[in-house]
Amino acid sequence: MIRVLIYIAGFILLSTGFLHSMIFLNLIPSGNSTMEYIKYLFSHSETYGIPAGALLIHLSTIKKSGNRRI
């Protein structure tokens, strides 16, 4: 059950991070360069949900190996 909650939290963080980065894409047609767009993304905490959410999703899908006997 904990894994499902971690997965859902990661999905929410990842979704909101991507949503904000897509909203910020409007800066490029307004005259900013791609490098300025990337600097703008790193200066806002809303987009930090992308790596955090991806990490949580990855951690929730890892299986424990346990003590197997081969």
PDB file of N, CA and C in Angstrom:
ATOM      1  N   MET A   1       0.821  -1.192   0.000  1.00  0.00           N
ATOM      2  CA  MET A   1       0.000   0.000   0.000  1.00  0.00           C
ATOM      3  C   MET A   1       0.870   1.264   0.000  1.00  0.00           C
ATOM      4  N   ILE A   2       1.986   1.193   0.712  1.00  0.00           N
ATOM      5  CA  ILE A   2       2.898   2.351   0.749  1.00  0.00           C
ATOM      6  C   ILE A   2       3.460   2.623  -0.640  1.00  0.00           C
ATOM      7  N   ARG A   3       3.762   1.554  -1.371  1.00  0.00           N
ATOM      8  CA  ARG A   3       4.311   1.731  -2.722  1.00  0.00           C
ATOM      9  C   ARG A   3       3.329   2.449  -3.640  1.00  0.00           C
ATOM     10  N   VAL A   4       2.049   2.142  -3.493  1.00  0.00           N
ATOM     11  CA  VAL A   4       1.033   2.793  -4.325  1.00  0.00           C
ATOM     12  C   VAL A   4       0.957   4.280  -3.990  1.00  0.00           C
ATOM     13  N   LEU A   5       1.016   4.619  -2.724  1.00  0.00           N
ATOM     14  CA  LEU A   5       0.975   6.028  -2.324  1.00  0.00           C
ATOM     15  C   LEU A   5       2.207   6.788  -2.801  1.00  0.00           C
ATOM     16  N   ILE A   6       3.374   6.149  -2.742  1.00  0.00           N
ATOM     17  CA  ILE A   6       4.601   6.779  -3.243  1.00  0.00           C
ATOM     18  C   ILE A   6       4.505   6.980  -4.752  1.00  0.00           C
ATOM     19  N   TYR A   7       3.946   5.984  -5.445  1.00  0.00           N
ATOM     20  CA  TYR A   7       3.781   6.097  -6.898  1.00  0.00           C
ATOM     21  C   TYR A   7       2.841   7.247  -7.245  1.00  0.00           C
ATOM     22  N   ILE A   8       1.734   7.354  -6.524  1.00  0.00           N
ATOM     23  CA  ILE A   8       0.772   8.429  -6.796  1.00  0.00           C
ATOM     24  C   ILE A   8       1.386   9.795  -6.508  1.00  0.00           C
ATOM     25  N   ALA A   9       2.128   9.905  -5.409  1.00  0.00           N
ATOM     26  CA  ALA A   9       2.793  11.173  -5.087  1.00  0.00           C
ATOM     27  C   ALA A   9       3.813  11.536  -6.166  1.00  0.00           C
ATOM     28  N   GLY A  10       4.561  10.546  -6.640  1.00  0.00           N
ATOM     29  CA  GLY A  10       5.526  10.794  -7.706  1.00  0.00           C
ATOM     30  C   GLY A  10       4.852  11.211  -8.994  1.00  0.00           C
ATOM     31  N   PHE A  11       3.727  10.583  -9.298  1.00  0.00           N
ATOM     32  CA  PHE A  11       2.996  10.930 -10.518  1.00  0.00           C
ATOM     33  C   PHE A  11       2.460  12.355 -10.446  1.00  0.00           C
ATOM     34  N   ILE A  12       1.966  12.746  -9.282  1.00  0.00           N
ATOM     35  CA  ILE A  12       1.450  14.111  -9.118  1.00  0.00           C
ATOM     36  C   ILE A  12       2.576  15.133  -9.265  1.00  0.00           C
ATOM     37  N   LEU A  13       3.727  14.858  -8.637  1.00  0.00           N
ATOM     38  CA  LEU A  13       4.868  15.775  -8.761  1.00  0.00           C
ATOM     39  C   LEU A  13       5.354  15.878 -10.203  1.00  0.00           C
ATOM     40  N   LEU A  14       5.446  14.738 -10.867  1.00  0.00           N
ATOM     41  CA  LEU A  14       5.911  14.722 -12.253  1.00  0.00           C
ATOM     42  C   LEU A  14       4.935  15.458 -13.162  1.00  0.00           C
ATOM     43  N   SER A  15       3.651  15.254 -12.956  1.00  0.00           N
ATOM     44  CA  SER A  15       2.642  15.909 -13.789  1.00  0.00           C
ATOM     45  C   SER A  15       2.644  17.417 -13.604  1.00  0.00           C
ATOM     46  N   THR A  16       2.712  17.862 -12.362  1.00  0.00           N
ATOM     47  CA  THR A  16       2.712  19.308 -12.139  1.00  0.00           C
ATOM     48  C   THR A  16       4.006  19.956 -12.654  1.00  0.00           C
ATOM     49  N   GLY A  17       5.120  19.250 -12.527  1.00  0.00           N
ATOM     50  CA  GLY A  17       6.373  19.791 -13.060  1.00  0.00           C
ATOM     51  C   GLY A  17       6.336  19.945 -14.566  1.00  0.00           C
ATOM     52  N   PHE A  18       5.820  18.924 -15.257  1.00  0.00           N
ATOM     53  CA  PHE A  18       5.699  19.019 -16.712  1.00  0.00           C
ATOM     54  C   PHE A  18       4.676  20.069 -17.124  1.00  0.00           C
ATOM     55  N   LEU A  19       3.611  20.189 -16.374  1.00  0.00           N
ATOM     56  CA  LEU A  19       2.598  21.198 -16.684  1.00  0.00           C
ATOM     57  C   LEU A  19       3.193  22.597 -16.606  1.00  0.00           C
ATOM     58  N   HIS A  20       3.954  22.860 -15.561  1.00  0.00           N
ATOM     59  CA  HIS A  20       4.563  24.182 -15.431  1.00  0.00           C
ATOM     60  C   HIS A  20       5.623  24.426 -16.501  1.00  0.00           C
ATOM     61  N   SER A  21       6.376  23.403 -16.840  1.00  0.00           N
ATOM     62  CA  SER A  21       7.379  23.609 -17.894  1.00  0.00           C
ATOM     63  C   SER A  21       6.712  23.860 -19.241  1.00  0.00           C
ATOM     64  N   MET A  22       5.564  23.257 -19.480  1.00  0.00           N
ATOM     65  CA  MET A  22       4.837  23.522 -20.737  1.00  0.00           C
ATOM     66  C   MET A  22       4.239  24.932 -20.735  1.00  0.00           C
ATOM     67  N   ILE A  23       3.761  25.371 -19.586  1.00  0.00           N
ATOM     68  CA  ILE A  23       3.231  26.729 -19.493  1.00  0.00           C
ATOM     69  C   ILE A  23       4.349  27.737 -19.750  1.00  0.00           C
ATOM     70  N   PHE A  24       5.533  27.454 -19.225  1.00  0.00           N
ATOM     71  CA  PHE A  24       6.662  28.360 -19.419  1.00  0.00           C
ATOM     72  C   PHE A  24       7.197  28.342 -20.851  1.00  0.00           C
ATOM     73  N   LEU A  25       6.730  27.402 -21.687  1.00  0.00           N
ATOM     74  CA  LEU A  25       7.166  27.386 -23.085  1.00  0.00           C
ATOM     75  C   LEU A  25       6.720  28.638 -23.842  1.00  0.00           C
ATOM     76  N   ASN A  26       5.767  29.364 -23.306  1.00  0.00           N
ATOM     77  CA  ASN A  26       5.328  30.603 -23.938  1.00  0.00           C
ATOM     78  C   ASN A  26       6.409  31.674 -23.910  1.00  0.00           C
ATOM     79  N   LEU A  27       7.469  31.452 -23.155  1.00  0.00           N
ATOM     80  CA  LEU A  27       8.553  32.430 -23.111  1.00  0.00           C
ATOM     81  C   LEU A  27       9.397  32.411 -24.378  1.00  0.00           C
ATOM     82  N   ILE A  28       9.447  31.275 -25.056  1.00  0.00           N
ATOM     83  CA  ILE A  28      10.293  31.171 -26.250  1.00  0.00           C
ATOM     84  C   ILE A  28       9.755  32.025 -27.402  1.00  0.00           C
ATOM     85  N   PRO A  29       8.446  31.966 -27.748  1.00  0.00           N
ATOM     86  CA  PRO A  29       7.977  32.832 -28.837  1.00  0.00           C
ATOM     87  C   PRO A  29       8.009  34.321 -28.500  1.00  0.00           C
ATOM     88  N   SER A  30       8.098  34.651 -27.225  1.00  0.00           N
ATOM     89  CA  SER A  30       8.108  36.065 -26.855  1.00  0.00           C
ATOM     90  C   SER A  30       9.490  36.695 -26.985  1.00  0.00           C
ATOM     91  N   GLY A  31      10.448  35.959 -27.528  1.00  0.00           N
ATOM     92  CA  GLY A  31      11.752  36.549 -27.810  1.00  0.00           C
ATOM     93  C   GLY A  31      12.886  36.000 -26.982  1.00  0.00           C
ATOM     94  N   ASN A  32      12.633  35.097 -26.076  1.00  0.00           N
ATOM     95  CA  ASN A  32      13.710  34.511 -25.274  1.00  0.00           C
ATOM     96  C   ASN A  32      14.345  33.341 -26.016  1.00  0.00           C
ATOM     97  N   SER A  33      15.609  33.103 -25.747  1.00  0.00           N
ATOM     98  CA  SER A  33      16.300  31.984 -26.372  1.00  0.00           C
ATOM     99  C   SER A  33      16.039  30.707 -25.579  1.00  0.00           C
ATOM    100  N   THR A  34      16.477  29.595 -26.131  1.00  0.00           N
ATOM    101  CA  THR A  34      16.296  28.316 -25.451  1.00  0.00           C
ATOM    102  C   THR A  34      17.109  28.268 -24.167  1.00  0.00           C
ATOM    103  N   MET A  35      18.294  28.851 -24.184  1.00  0.00           N
ATOM    104  CA  MET A  35      19.130  28.862 -22.981  1.00  0.00           C
ATOM    105  C   MET A  35      18.484  29.695 -21.875  1.00  0.00           C
ATOM    106  N   GLU A  36      17.871  30.806 -22.238  1.00  0.00           N
ATOM    107  CA  GLU A  36      17.171  31.614 -21.243  1.00  0.00           C
ATOM    108  C   GLU A  36      15.975  30.866 -20.675  1.00  0.00           C
ATOM    109  N   TYR A  37      15.310  30.073 -21.516  1.00  0.00           N
ATOM    110  CA  TYR A  37      14.190  29.251 -21.059  1.00  0.00           C
ATOM    111  C   TYR A  37      14.662  28.214 -20.045  1.00  0.00           C
ATOM    112  N   ILE A  38      15.785  27.568 -20.315  1.00  0.00           N
ATOM    113  CA  ILE A  38      16.307  26.554 -19.397  1.00  0.00           C
ATOM    114  C   ILE A  38      16.731  27.203 -18.082  1.00  0.00           C
ATOM    115  N   LYS A  39      17.368  28.370 -18.155  1.00  0.00           N
ATOM    116  CA  LYS A  39      17.739  29.084 -16.926  1.00  0.00           C
ATOM    117  C   LYS A  39      16.489  29.466 -16.129  1.00  0.00           C
ATOM    118  N   TYR A  40      15.442  29.849 -16.830  1.00  0.00           N
ATOM    119  CA  TYR A  40      14.194  30.213 -16.164  1.00  0.00           C
ATOM    120  C   TYR A  40      13.580  28.995 -15.474  1.00  0.00           C
ATOM    121  N   LEU A  41      13.649  27.821 -16.115  1.00  0.00           N
ATOM    122  CA  LEU A  41      13.121  26.606 -15.503  1.00  0.00           C
ATOM    123  C   LEU A  41      13.861  26.256 -14.221  1.00  0.00           C
ATOM    124  N   PHE A  42      15.181  26.381 -14.239  1.00  0.00           N
ATOM    125  CA  PHE A  42      15.969  26.052 -13.056  1.00  0.00           C
ATOM    126  C   PHE A  42      15.811  27.079 -11.939  1.00  0.00           C
ATOM    127  N   SER A  43      15.322  28.264 -12.260  1.00  0.00           N
ATOM    128  CA  SER A  43      15.160  29.284 -11.228  1.00  0.00           C
ATOM    129  C   SER A  43      13.796  29.204 -10.540  1.00  0.00           C
ATOM    130  N   HIS A  44      12.902  28.347 -11.014  1.00  0.00           N
ATOM    131  CA  HIS A  44      11.582  28.210 -10.406  1.00  0.00           C
ATOM    132  C   HIS A  44      11.427  26.826  -9.784  1.00  0.00           C
ATOM    133  N   SER A  45      10.909  26.813  -8.574  1.00  0.00           N
ATOM    134  CA  SER A  45      10.809  25.557  -7.832  1.00  0.00           C
ATOM    135  C   SER A  45       9.683  24.658  -8.325  1.00  0.00           C
ATOM    136  N   GLU A  46       8.753  25.166  -9.118  1.00  0.00           N
ATOM    137  CA  GLU A  46       7.654  24.337  -9.604  1.00  0.00           C
ATOM    138  C   GLU A  46       8.146  23.214 -10.502  1.00  0.00           C
ATOM    139  N   THR A  47       9.223  23.457 -11.221  1.00  0.00           N
ATOM    140  CA  THR A  47       9.723  22.454 -12.158  1.00  0.00           C
ATOM    141  C   THR A  47      10.627  21.425 -11.499  1.00  0.00           C
ATOM    142  N   TYR A  48      10.942  21.598 -10.224  1.00  0.00           N
ATOM    143  CA  TYR A  48      11.744  20.600  -9.514  1.00  0.00           C
ATOM    144  C   TYR A  48      10.955  19.322  -9.266  1.00  0.00           C
ATOM    145  N   GLY A  49       9.661  19.355  -9.524  1.00  0.00           N
ATOM    146  CA  GLY A  49       8.843  18.161  -9.380  1.00  0.00           C
ATOM    147  C   GLY A  49       9.140  17.112 -10.432  1.00  0.00           C
ATOM    148  N   ILE A  50       9.744  17.495 -11.537  1.00  0.00           N
ATOM    149  CA  ILE A  50      10.043  16.528 -12.599  1.00  0.00           C
ATOM    150  C   ILE A  50      11.055  15.493 -12.118  1.00  0.00           C
ATOM    151  N   PRO A  51      12.254  15.882 -11.666  1.00  0.00           N
ATOM    152  CA  PRO A  51      13.179  14.835 -11.201  1.00  0.00           C
ATOM    153  C   PRO A  51      12.721  14.162  -9.911  1.00  0.00           C
ATOM    154  N   ALA A  52      12.077  14.932  -9.015  1.00  0.00           N
ATOM    155  CA  ALA A  52      11.614  14.329  -7.761  1.00  0.00           C
ATOM    156  C   ALA A  52      10.521  13.304  -8.014  1.00  0.00           C
ATOM    157  N   GLY A  53       9.588  13.635  -8.891  1.00  0.00           N
ATOM    158  CA  GLY A  53       8.515  12.699  -9.214  1.00  0.00           C
ATOM    159  C   GLY A  53       9.021  11.468  -9.942  1.00  0.00           C
ATOM    160  N   ALA A  54       9.963  11.658 -10.858  1.00  0.00           N
ATOM    161  CA  ALA A  54      10.532  10.510 -11.572  1.00  0.00           C
ATOM    162  C   ALA A  54      11.279   9.592 -10.609  1.00  0.00           C
ATOM    163  N   LEU A  55      11.968  10.176  -9.641  1.00  0.00           N
ATOM    164  CA  LEU A  55      12.683   9.371  -8.656  1.00  0.00           C
ATOM    165  C   LEU A  55      11.712   8.585  -7.771  1.00  0.00           C
ATOM    166  N   LEU A  56      10.638   9.213  -7.339  1.00  0.00           N
ATOM    167  CA  LEU A  56       9.655   8.517  -6.514  1.00  0.00           C
ATOM    168  C   LEU A  56       8.992   7.375  -7.277  1.00  0.00           C
ATOM    169  N   ILE A  57       8.666   7.604  -8.541  1.00  0.00           N
ATOM    170  CA  ILE A  57       8.058   6.545  -9.351  1.00  0.00           C
ATOM    171  C   ILE A  57       9.034   5.392  -9.512  1.00  0.00           C
ATOM    172  N   HIS A  58      10.285   5.717  -9.765  1.00  0.00           N
ATOM    173  CA  HIS A  58      11.293   4.670  -9.921  1.00  0.00           C
ATOM    174  C   HIS A  58      11.469   3.873  -8.633  1.00  0.00           C
ATOM    175  N   LEU A  59      11.525   4.563  -7.506  1.00  0.00           N
ATOM    176  CA  LEU A  59      11.705   3.881  -6.231  1.00  0.00           C
ATOM    177  C   LEU A  59      10.504   3.010  -5.866  1.00  0.00           C
ATOM    178  N   SER A  60       9.315   3.424  -6.292  1.00  0.00           N
ATOM    179  CA  SER A  60       8.132   2.634  -5.951  1.00  0.00           C
ATOM    180  C   SER A  60       8.016   1.371  -6.796  1.00  0.00           C
ATOM    181  N   THR A  61       8.730   1.304  -7.899  1.00  0.00           N
ATOM    182  CA  THR A  61       8.636   0.124  -8.761  1.00  0.00           C
ATOM    183  C   THR A  61       9.759  -0.879  -8.540  1.00  0.00           C
ATOM    184  N   ILE A  62      10.737  -0.528  -7.712  1.00  0.00           N
ATOM    185  CA  ILE A  62      11.836  -1.453  -7.439  1.00  0.00           C
ATOM    186  C   ILE A  62      11.349  -2.550  -6.506  1.00  0.00           C
ATOM    187  N   LYS A  63      11.623  -3.784  -6.866  1.00  0.00           N
ATOM    188  CA  LYS A  63      11.235  -4.917  -6.023  1.00  0.00           C
ATOM    189  C   LYS A  63      12.368  -5.256  -5.071  1.00  0.00           C
ATOM    190  N   LYS A  64      11.986  -5.667  -3.874  1.00  0.00           N
ATOM    191  CA  LYS A  64      12.983  -6.120  -2.915  1.00  0.00           C
ATOM    192  C   LYS A  64      13.422  -7.514  -3.309  1.00  0.00           C
ATOM    193  N   SER A  65      14.719  -7.773  -3.188  1.00  0.00           N
ATOM    194  CA  SER A  65      15.214  -9.097  -3.578  1.00  0.00           C
ATOM    195  C   SER A  65      14.996 -10.121  -2.470  1.00  0.00           C
ATOM    196  N   GLY A  66      15.037  -9.697  -1.227  1.00  0.00           N
ATOM    197  CA  GLY A  66      14.813 -10.618  -0.124  1.00  0.00           C
ATOM    198  C   GLY A  66      15.949 -11.623   0.023  1.00  0.00           C
ATOM    199  N   ASN A  67      15.711 -12.686   0.738  1.00  0.00           N
ATOM    200  CA  ASN A  67      16.702 -13.725   0.927  1.00  0.00           C
ATOM    201  C   ASN A  67      16.317 -14.951   0.093  1.00  0.00           C
ATOM    202  N   ARG A  68      16.636 -14.901  -1.151  1.00  0.00           N
ATOM    203  CA  ARG A  68      16.334 -16.023  -2.030  1.00  0.00           C
ATOM    204  C   ARG A  68      17.429 -17.060  -1.954  1.00  0.00           C
ATOM    205  N   ARG A  69      17.024 -18.274  -2.084  1.00  0.00           N
ATOM    206  CA  ARG A  69      17.997 -19.367  -2.171  1.00  0.00           C
ATOM    207  C   ARG A  69      17.962 -19.907  -3.585  1.00  0.00           C
ATOM    208  N   ILE A  70      19.115 -19.997  -4.153  1.00  0.00           N
ATOM    209  CA  ILE A  70      19.195 -20.494  -5.536  1.00  0.00           C
ATOM    210  C   ILE A  70      19.823 -21.864  -5.552  1.00  0.00           C
TER     211      ILE A  70
END
